[in-house]
Protein backbone atom coordinates (compact mmCIF):
# COMPACT_ATOMS: atom_id res chain seq x y z
CA MET A 1 2.30 -20.89 -23.55
CA ALA A 2 3.99 -19.69 -20.37
CA ALA A 3 6.05 -16.53 -20.33
CA ALA A 4 9.81 -17.03 -19.97
CA ALA A 5 9.78 -15.36 -16.54
CA ASP A 6 7.05 -17.75 -15.37
CA LEU A 7 9.18 -20.75 -16.34
CA ILE A 8 12.06 -19.45 -14.21
CA HIS A 9 9.87 -18.18 -11.33
CA PRO A 10 6.53 -19.98 -11.54
CA GLN A 11 3.59 -18.90 -9.44
CA PRO A 12 2.24 -21.54 -7.08
CA ALA A 13 -0.91 -23.43 -7.94
CA ALA A 14 -3.89 -22.38 -5.83
CA ASP A 15 -3.53 -25.38 -3.52
CA ARG A 16 0.17 -24.63 -2.99
CA ILE A 17 -0.16 -21.02 -1.83
CA GLN A 18 1.47 -20.69 1.60
CA LEU A 19 0.16 -18.30 4.25
CA VAL A 20 3.66 -17.35 5.38
CA GLU A 21 4.63 -16.35 1.83
CA VAL A 22 1.43 -14.34 1.31
CA LEU A 23 1.84 -12.50 4.61
CA ALA A 24 5.49 -11.74 3.84
CA ALA A 25 4.52 -10.37 0.43
CA LEU A 26 1.72 -8.24 1.85
CA GLY A 27 3.93 -6.99 4.68
CA HIS A 28 5.76 -4.41 2.57
CA PRO A 29 4.06 -1.03 2.02
CA VAL A 30 4.84 -0.90 -1.72
CA ARG A 31 3.51 -4.40 -2.33
CA LEU A 32 0.43 -3.65 -0.26
CA GLU A 33 -0.19 -0.56 -2.40
CA ILE A 34 0.11 -2.68 -5.55
CA VAL A 35 -2.46 -5.12 -4.16
CA ARG A 36 -4.79 -2.24 -3.29
CA LYS A 37 -4.56 -0.94 -6.85
CA LEU A 38 -5.39 -4.39 -8.22
CA ALA A 39 -8.20 -5.02 -5.72
CA SER A 40 -10.87 -3.71 -8.11
CA GLY A 41 -10.38 -6.84 -10.19
CA GLU A 42 -9.29 -4.88 -13.24
CA GLU A 43 -6.14 -5.90 -15.05
CA ALA A 44 -3.33 -3.32 -14.90
CA CYS A 45 -0.09 -2.86 -16.78
CA CYS A 46 2.96 -3.26 -14.55
CA GLY A 47 4.14 0.28 -15.32
CA GLU A 48 0.85 1.74 -14.08
CA VAL A 49 0.69 0.28 -10.58
CA VAL A 50 3.65 2.15 -9.07
CA PRO A 51 4.88 4.60 -11.71
CA ASP A 52 7.12 6.59 -9.35
CA LEU A 53 9.47 3.74 -8.43
CA PRO A 54 12.58 2.69 -10.36
CA ARG A 55 11.98 -0.23 -12.69
CA SER A 56 14.31 -2.50 -10.70
CA SER A 57 12.28 -1.92 -7.53
CA VAL A 58 8.99 -2.54 -9.32
CA THR A 59 10.40 -5.76 -10.78
CA HIS A 60 11.46 -6.97 -7.34
CA HIS A 61 8.08 -6.25 -5.74
CA LEU A 62 6.10 -7.81 -8.60
CA LYS A 63 8.30 -10.91 -8.50
CA THR A 64 7.68 -11.29 -4.76
CA LEU A 65 3.91 -10.92 -5.20
CA HIS A 66 3.89 -13.35 -8.13
CA GLU A 67 6.00 -16.05 -6.47
CA SER A 68 3.91 -15.89 -3.30
CA GLY A 69 0.72 -16.42 -5.31
CA VAL A 70 -0.81 -12.99 -4.67
CA ILE A 71 -0.85 -11.78 -8.28
CA ARG A 72 -1.05 -13.30 -11.74
CA ARG A 73 1.03 -11.98 -14.65
CA ARG A 74 -0.01 -12.10 -18.30
CA PRO A 75 2.31 -11.03 -21.09
CA GLY A 76 0.72 -8.92 -23.81
CA GLY A 77 3.20 -7.93 -26.48
CA ARG A 78 5.77 -5.66 -24.85
CA LYS A 79 3.67 -5.18 -21.73
CA LEU A 80 3.04 -7.30 -18.68
CA TYR A 81 -0.48 -7.28 -17.27
CA LEU A 82 -1.25 -7.98 -13.64
CA THR A 83 -4.32 -9.22 -11.80
CA LEU A 84 -4.94 -10.04 -8.17
CA ARG A 85 -5.56 -13.74 -7.50
CA ARG A 86 -8.52 -12.85 -5.30
CA ASP A 87 -10.47 -16.08 -5.89
CA ASP A 88 -7.48 -18.29 -5.08
CA LEU A 89 -6.57 -16.26 -1.99
CA ASP A 90 -10.16 -16.21 -0.74
CA GLU A 91 -10.41 -19.97 -1.21
CA CYS A 92 -7.15 -20.65 0.66
CA PHE A 93 -7.49 -17.99 3.35
CA PRO A 94 -11.10 -16.77 3.64
CA GLY A 95 -11.34 -13.15 4.76
CA LEU A 96 -7.59 -12.48 4.79
CA LEU A 97 -7.52 -10.26 1.74
CA GLU A 98 -10.53 -8.23 2.85
CA LEU A 99 -9.00 -7.70 6.27
CA VAL A 100 -5.67 -6.62 4.83
CA LEU A 101 -7.33 -4.28 2.34
CA ALA A 102 -9.49 -2.76 5.09
CA CYS A 103 -6.40 -1.69 7.03
CA ARG A 104 -5.05 1.72 6.21
CA SER A 105 -1.31 2.32 5.98
CA ARG A 106 -0.40 3.40 9.48
CA PRO A 107 2.49 3.07 11.90
CA LEU A 108 3.00 -0.45 13.19
CA ASP A 109 1.45 0.22 16.61
CA SER A 110 -1.92 1.38 15.24
CA GLU A 111 -5.03 -0.66 14.47
CA CYS A 112 -7.14 -1.47 11.42
CA ASP A 113 -10.33 0.33 10.44
CA GLU A 114 -12.21 -2.90 11.10
CA GLN A 115 -12.97 -4.16 14.58
CA PRO A 116 -11.68 -7.65 15.52
CA LEU A 117 -14.04 -10.53 14.85
């Protein structure tokens, strides 16, 4: 059964994930940090990924990641568990996630750790 929030704001099916939406979601430093924390493949509780932010901010960032197809949410009692949709993203956009995760948080005019292909 789908969570109530998923009925209002469903995540896209794997074949409906849009590159523009994914890039927009990954373009914010807080959301990028959330993705980095989920990159291990382990499931995390929503309160654990960015504990220093106000709940309203966390909710906004998680909603953006979910609606773009970057993360999956699973309700578990009073908690909401998150996982990165790595397989779906790799299938739709091979290498994108690895490239994004390889880049360190730096000013906009700096480069990634990885050399261009």
